[in-house]
C-alpha atoms as a PDB file:
ATOM      1  CA  GLN A   1       0.000   0.000   0.000  1.00  0.00           C
ATOM      2  CA  ASP A   2       2.894   2.322   0.793  1.00  0.00           C
ATOM      3  CA  ALA A   3       4.357   1.782  -2.680  1.00  0.00           C
ATOM      4  CA  ILE A   4       0.993   2.489  -4.291  1.00  0.00           C
ATOM      5  CA  ASP A   5       0.628   5.690  -2.270  1.00  0.00           C
ATOM      6  CA  ARG A   6       4.129   6.863  -3.293  1.00  0.00           C
ATOM      7  CA  LYS A   7       3.394   6.130  -6.970  1.00  0.00           C
ATOM      8  CA  GLU A   8       0.116   8.084  -6.833  1.00  0.00           C
ATOM      9  CA  LYS A   9       1.850  10.992  -5.097  1.00  0.00           C
ATOM     10  CA  ARG A  10       4.550  11.101  -7.820  1.00  0.00           C
ATOM     11  CA  SER A  11       1.901  11.056 -10.524  1.00  0.00           C
ATOM     12  CA  GLU A  12       0.007  13.914  -8.853  1.00  0.00           C
ATOM     13  CA  THR A  13       3.222  15.910  -8.507  1.00  0.00           C
ATOM     14  CA  PHE A  14       3.910  15.419 -12.204  1.00  0.00           C
ATOM     15  CA  LYS A  15       0.370  16.396 -13.202  1.00  0.00           C
ATOM     16  CA  THR A  16       0.555  19.532 -11.055  1.00  0.00           C
ATOM     17  CA  ALA A  17       3.870  20.598 -12.570  1.00  0.00           C
ATOM     18  CA  VAL A  18       2.659  20.001 -16.125  1.00  0.00           C
ATOM     19  CA  HIS A  19      -0.690  21.684 -15.489  1.00  0.00           C
ATOM     20  CA  GLY A  20       1.117  24.772 -14.182  1.00  0.00           C
ATOM     21  CA  LEU A  21       3.147  24.898 -17.382  1.00  0.00           C
ATOM     22  CA  GLU A  22       0.149  24.442 -19.629  1.00  0.00           C
ATOM     23  CA  THR A  23      -1.711  27.303 -17.984  1.00  0.00           C
ATOM     24  CA  GLY A  24       1.167  29.612 -18.870  1.00  0.00           C
ATOM     25  CA  THR A  25       2.691  30.251 -15.470  1.00  0.00           C
ATOM     26  CA  SER A  26       6.221  29.493 -16.624  1.00  0.00           C
ATOM     27  CA  ALA A  27       5.932  28.267 -20.189  1.00  0.00           C
ATOM     28  CA  LEU A  28       7.057  30.395 -23.069  1.00  0.00           C
ATOM     29  CA  LYS A  29       4.635  31.245 -25.815  1.00  0.00           C
ATOM     30  CA  ALA A  30       5.387  29.607 -29.160  1.00  0.00           C
ATOM     31  CA  GLU A  31       6.510  32.872 -30.756  1.00  0.00           C
ATOM     32  CA  GLU A  32       9.063  33.395 -27.958  1.00  0.00           C
ATOM     33  CA  LEU A  33      10.550  29.894 -28.208  1.00  0.00           C
ATOM     34  CA  GLY A  34      14.291  30.239 -28.759  1.00  0.00           C
ATOM     35  CA  ARG A  35      14.174  34.038 -28.616  1.00  0.00           C
ATOM     36  CA  ARG A  36      13.990  34.292 -24.848  1.00  0.00           C
ATOM     37  CA  ALA A  37      15.559  32.105 -22.174  1.00  0.00           C
ATOM     38  CA  PRO A  38      12.934  29.840 -20.582  1.00  0.00           C
ATOM     39  CA  GLN A  39      12.227  29.534 -16.894  1.00  0.00           C
ATOM     40  CA  TRP A  40      13.412  26.023 -16.075  1.00  0.00           C
ATOM     41  CA  VAL A  41      11.112  23.600 -14.314  1.00  0.00           C
ATOM     42  CA  ARG A  42      12.714  22.624 -11.011  1.00  0.00           C
ATOM     43  CA  ASP A  43      14.195  19.112 -10.939  1.00  0.00           C
ATOM     44  CA  ASN A  44      12.596  18.207  -7.619  1.00  0.00           C
ATOM     45  CA  LEU A  45       9.091  18.890  -8.990  1.00  0.00           C
ATOM     46  CA  VAL A  46       9.369  16.242 -11.691  1.00  0.00           C
ATOM     47  CA  THR A  47       9.571  12.469 -11.247  1.00  0.00           C
ATOM     48  CA  MET A  48       9.246  11.473 -14.912  1.00  0.00           C
ATOM     49  CA  CYS A  49      10.229  12.831 -18.324  1.00  0.00           C
ATOM     50  CA  MET A  50       7.821  15.585 -19.339  1.00  0.00           C
ATOM     51  CA  ARG A  51       7.804  14.299 -22.931  1.00  0.00           C
ATOM     52  CA  CYS A  52       7.844  10.472 -22.904  1.00  0.00           C
ATOM     53  CA  LYS A  53       6.677  10.024 -19.269  1.00  0.00           C
ATOM     54  CA  GLU A  54       9.483   7.560 -18.409  1.00  0.00           C
ATOM     55  CA  PRO A  55      10.303   7.735 -14.668  1.00  0.00           C
ATOM     56  CA  PHE A  56      13.644   9.171 -13.551  1.00  0.00           C
ATOM     57  CA  ASN A  57      15.934   7.344 -11.172  1.00  0.00           C
ATOM     58  CA  ALA A  58      19.504   7.772  -9.967  1.00  0.00           C
ATOM     59  CA  ILE A  59      20.959   4.833 -11.866  1.00  0.00           C
ATOM     60  CA  MET A  60      19.364   4.576 -15.278  1.00  0.00           C
ATOM     61  CA  ARG A  61      17.719   7.827 -16.276  1.00  0.00           C
ATOM     62  CA  ARG A  62      19.106  11.324 -15.666  1.00  0.00           C
ATOM     63  CA  ARG A  63      17.249  14.614 -15.852  1.00  0.00           C
ATOM     64  CA  HIS A  64      18.087  17.176 -18.529  1.00  0.00           C
ATOM     65  CA  HIS A  65      16.542  20.558 -19.297  1.00  0.00           C
ATOM     66  CA  CYS A  66      15.410  21.604 -22.747  1.00  0.00           C
ATOM     67  CA  ARG A  67      17.152  24.936 -23.320  1.00  0.00           C
ATOM     68  CA  ALA A  68      14.221  26.181 -25.419  1.00  0.00           C
ATOM     69  CA  CYS A  69      11.121  25.382 -23.314  1.00  0.00           C
ATOM     70  CA  GLY A  70      12.656  24.595 -19.904  1.00  0.00           C
ATOM     71  CA  TYR A  71      10.966  21.194 -19.528  1.00  0.00           C
ATOM     72  CA  VAL A  72      12.752  18.425 -17.617  1.00  0.00           C
ATOM     73  CA  VAL A  73      13.335  15.555 -20.039  1.00  0.00           C
ATOM     74  CA  CYS A  74      15.362  12.361 -20.316  1.00  0.00           C
ATOM     75  CA  ALA A  75      18.468  11.990 -22.493  1.00  0.00           C
ATOM     76  CA  ARG A  76      16.544  10.256 -25.282  1.00  0.00           C
ATOM     77  CA  CYS A  77      14.011  13.084 -25.519  1.00  0.00           C
ATOM     78  CA  SER A  78      16.689  15.794 -25.425  1.00  0.00           C
ATOM     79  CA  ASP A  79      19.088  14.306 -27.950  1.00  0.00           C
ATOM     80  CA  TYR A  80      18.653  17.217 -30.356  1.00  0.00           C
ATOM     81  CA  LYS A  81      20.450  20.508 -30.895  1.00  0.00           C
ATOM     82  CA  ALA A  82      19.043  23.733 -32.285  1.00  0.00           C
ATOM     83  CA  GLU A  83      20.245  27.312 -32.581  1.00  0.00           C
ATOM     84  CA  LEU A  84      18.700  29.612 -29.978  1.00  0.00           C
ATOM     85  CA  GLN A  85      18.622  33.367 -30.570  1.00  0.00           C
ATOM     86  CA  TYR A  86      18.906  34.244 -26.872  1.00  0.00           C
ATOM     87  CA  ASP A  87      22.239  32.387 -26.755  1.00  0.00           C
ATOM     88  CA  GLY A  88      23.820  34.038 -29.791  1.00  0.00           C
ATOM     89  CA  ASN A  89      22.499  31.390 -32.212  1.00  0.00           C
ATOM     90  CA  ARG A  90      24.711  28.700 -30.651  1.00  0.00           C
ATOM     91  CA  LEU A  91      23.582  25.080 -30.722  1.00  0.00           C
ATOM     92  CA  ASN A  92      21.861  24.040 -27.496  1.00  0.00           C
ATOM     93  CA  ARG A  93      20.273  20.822 -26.219  1.00  0.00           C
ATOM     94  CA  VAL A  94      16.539  20.886 -26.912  1.00  0.00           C
ATOM     95  CA  CYS A  95      13.682  18.388 -26.721  1.00  0.00           C
ATOM     96  CA  GLN A  96      12.262  16.785 -29.855  1.00  0.00           C
ATOM     97  CA  GLU A  97       9.159  19.006 -29.956  1.00  0.00           C
ATOM     98  CA  CYS A  98      11.196  22.210 -29.727  1.00  0.00           C
ATOM     99  CA  TYR A  99      13.658  20.862 -32.310  1.00  0.00           C
ATOM    100  CA  VAL A 100      10.853  20.268 -34.804  1.00  0.00           C
ATOM    101  CA  PHE A 101       9.334  23.687 -34.072  1.00  0.00           C
ATOM    102  CA  LEU A 102      12.621  25.630 -34.248  1.00  0.00           C
ATOM    103  CA  THR A 103      14.217  23.902 -37.230  1.00  0.00           C
ATOM    104  CA  GLY A 104      11.210  22.718 -39.205  1.00  0.00           C
ATOM    105  CA  HIS A 105      12.870  19.316 -39.600  1.00  0.00           C
ATOM    106  CA  VAL A 106      10.694  16.261 -39.179  1.00  0.00           C
ATOM    107  CA  VAL A 107      12.200  13.487 -37.077  1.00  0.00           C
ATOM    108  CA  LEU A 108      11.554  10.282 -38.996  1.00  0.00           C
ATOM    109  CA  GLU A 109      14.007   7.806 -37.539  1.00  0.00           C
ATOM    110  CA  ASP A 110      13.002   5.475 -34.753  1.00  0.00           C
ATOM    111  CA  ARG A 111      15.030   6.566 -31.744  1.00  0.00           C
ATOM    112  CA  GLU A 112      13.923   3.695 -29.495  1.00  0.00           C
ATOM    113  CA  GLY A 113      16.939   2.097 -27.864  1.00  0.00           C
ATOM    114  CA  LYS A 114      19.262   5.014 -28.530  1.00  0.00           C
ATOM    115  CA  HIS A 115      21.388   6.215 -25.618  1.00  0.00           C
ATOM    116  CA  LYS A 116      20.528   3.343 -23.336  1.00  0.00           C
ATOM    117  CA  GLY A 117      23.079   2.895 -20.607  1.00  0.00           C
ATOM    118  CA  ILE A 118      24.652  -0.478 -19.849  1.00  0.00           C
ATOM    119  CA  LEU A 119      22.222  -1.034 -16.950  1.00  0.00           C
ATOM    120  CA  GLU A 120      19.201  -0.270 -19.141  1.00  0.00           C
ATOM    121  CA  VAL A 121      20.425  -2.639 -21.853  1.00  0.00           C
ATOM    122  CA  SER A 122      21.070  -5.487 -19.419  1.00  0.00           C
ATOM    123  CA  SER A 123      17.794  -4.954 -17.572  1.00  0.00           C
ATOM    124  CA  ALA A 124      15.816  -4.954 -20.827  1.00  0.00           C
END
């Protein structure tokens, strides 16, 4: 029961953090994406990737921030680079959705299995 309660609490925390972003409290508007530095979502508010919903843990999945939208995402979801105007048009790590929006490139390849650590590979 304790494990179930912890899982539900993590899910509620995630929903609250995402809902706050969707209502515009800290999310950038689409026209500002890449032109202005985002307000990063705090690591301790998020227990799973804000794009693919995979849970974070200390061993197998690290947290990364998209430099365009500020979301906390896993390595697989942030394995893209795009030029950001607020950073002098240098390449920065961005999530897949921001990459598609900023560059106009469509991501066709199947990225499943990319960047899996040795523990993820052996546990799969």
